[in-house]
Amino acid sequence: MFEIIPDRKAYRRLQHLLPAHRTMLADPVRNRAFFEALRRSVTSRSRVLDVGAGTGIWAIAAARLGARRVVAIEKERLLIPLIRRLAEE
């Protein structure tokens, strides 16, 4: 389950973060290019580092494509519960 957002400031920050990520996730040209690059590159021997993971979707895609190891790094602490939840699903 998602962690509780501790205060109003964090809640407001999250309200600004999510629309930016929604915009990126709704861009079919960008997403197709990212996925195709991963599809062409990831093998069962791959180790993938996703820096600035955001929602973690590309780290998850690399794992689903069979990467041996995937590490997602995200500076924005408020997104970490979302990444965890998506990875679990």
Protein backbone atom coordinates (compact mmCIF):
# COMPACT_ATOMS: atom_id res chain seq x y z
CA MET A 1 0.00 0.00 0.00
CA PHE A 2 1.08 3.61 -0.47
CA GLU A 3 2.78 5.28 2.46
CA ILE A 4 0.92 8.12 4.12
CA ILE A 5 2.06 11.56 2.96
CA PRO A 6 3.25 13.19 6.19
CA ASP A 7 2.27 16.83 5.73
CA ARG A 8 0.62 19.43 3.54
CA LYS A 9 3.90 20.58 2.01
CA ALA A 10 4.66 17.06 0.82
CA TYR A 11 1.11 16.71 -0.50
CA ARG A 12 1.44 19.94 -2.50
CA ARG A 13 4.78 18.76 -3.87
CA LEU A 14 3.21 15.50 -5.00
CA GLN A 15 0.41 17.44 -6.72
CA HIS A 16 3.08 19.15 -8.86
CA LEU A 17 5.07 16.00 -9.56
CA LEU A 18 2.32 13.74 -10.79
CA PRO A 19 1.07 15.90 -13.69
CA ALA A 20 4.60 16.14 -15.11
CA HIS A 21 4.97 12.38 -15.01
CA ARG A 22 1.48 11.88 -16.43
CA THR A 23 2.48 14.06 -19.40
CA MET A 24 5.59 11.97 -20.06
CA LEU A 25 3.71 8.69 -19.69
CA ALA A 26 1.04 9.88 -22.14
CA ASP A 27 3.57 10.68 -24.89
CA PRO A 28 3.37 7.76 -27.35
CA VAL A 29 6.37 8.83 -29.45
CA ARG A 30 8.64 9.14 -26.43
CA ASN A 31 7.40 5.92 -24.88
CA ARG A 32 7.70 3.91 -28.07
CA ALA A 33 11.28 5.15 -28.53
CA PHE A 34 12.24 4.33 -24.93
CA PHE A 35 10.67 0.88 -25.10
CA GLU A 36 12.23 0.03 -28.47
CA ALA A 37 15.67 1.09 -27.20
CA LEU A 38 15.25 -1.20 -24.21
CA ARG A 39 13.87 -4.03 -26.32
CA ARG A 40 16.87 -3.87 -28.65
CA SER A 41 19.40 -3.62 -25.83
CA VAL A 42 18.26 -5.69 -22.86
CA THR A 43 19.31 -9.33 -22.65
CA SER A 44 19.34 -11.88 -19.86
CA ARG A 45 22.89 -10.72 -19.06
CA SER A 46 22.02 -7.01 -18.89
CA ARG A 47 22.41 -4.88 -15.82
CA VAL A 48 20.26 -1.77 -16.07
CA LEU A 49 20.61 1.42 -14.07
CA ASP A 50 17.66 3.80 -14.30
CA VAL A 51 18.83 7.16 -12.93
CA GLY A 52 16.02 9.62 -12.33
CA ALA A 53 13.55 6.75 -12.46
CA GLY A 54 10.46 8.88 -11.86
CA THR A 55 7.64 6.33 -11.80
CA GLY A 56 10.10 3.49 -12.39
CA ILE A 57 8.32 2.37 -15.53
CA TRP A 58 11.50 1.94 -17.58
CA ALA A 59 13.24 -0.03 -14.83
CA ILE A 60 10.16 -2.25 -14.66
CA ALA A 61 10.15 -2.64 -18.45
CA ALA A 62 13.82 -3.67 -18.38
CA ALA A 63 13.05 -6.28 -15.73
CA ARG A 64 10.12 -7.61 -17.75
CA LEU A 65 12.35 -7.79 -20.81
CA GLY A 66 14.60 -10.14 -18.85
CA ALA A 67 17.44 -7.98 -17.51
CA ARG A 68 19.59 -9.84 -15.02
CA ARG A 69 19.59 -6.95 -12.55
CA VAL A 70 17.79 -3.61 -12.50
CA VAL A 71 18.41 -0.69 -10.15
CA ALA A 72 16.15 2.36 -10.15
CA ILE A 73 17.40 5.55 -8.52
CA GLU A 74 15.00 8.39 -7.78
CA LYS A 75 15.86 11.54 -5.84
CA GLU A 76 12.25 12.53 -5.19
CA ARG A 77 11.35 10.58 -2.06
CA LEU A 78 7.63 11.07 -2.61
CA LEU A 79 7.78 8.88 -5.74
CA ILE A 80 9.46 5.92 -4.05
CA PRO A 81 6.22 4.34 -2.73
CA LEU A 82 4.75 4.60 -6.23
CA ILE A 83 7.80 2.90 -7.77
CA ARG A 84 7.62 0.13 -5.17
CA ARG A 85 3.93 -0.43 -5.77
CA LEU A 86 4.30 -0.58 -9.55
CA ALA A 87 7.26 -2.95 -9.26
CA GLU A 88 5.28 -5.25 -6.97
CA GLU A 89 2.38 -5.36 -9.42
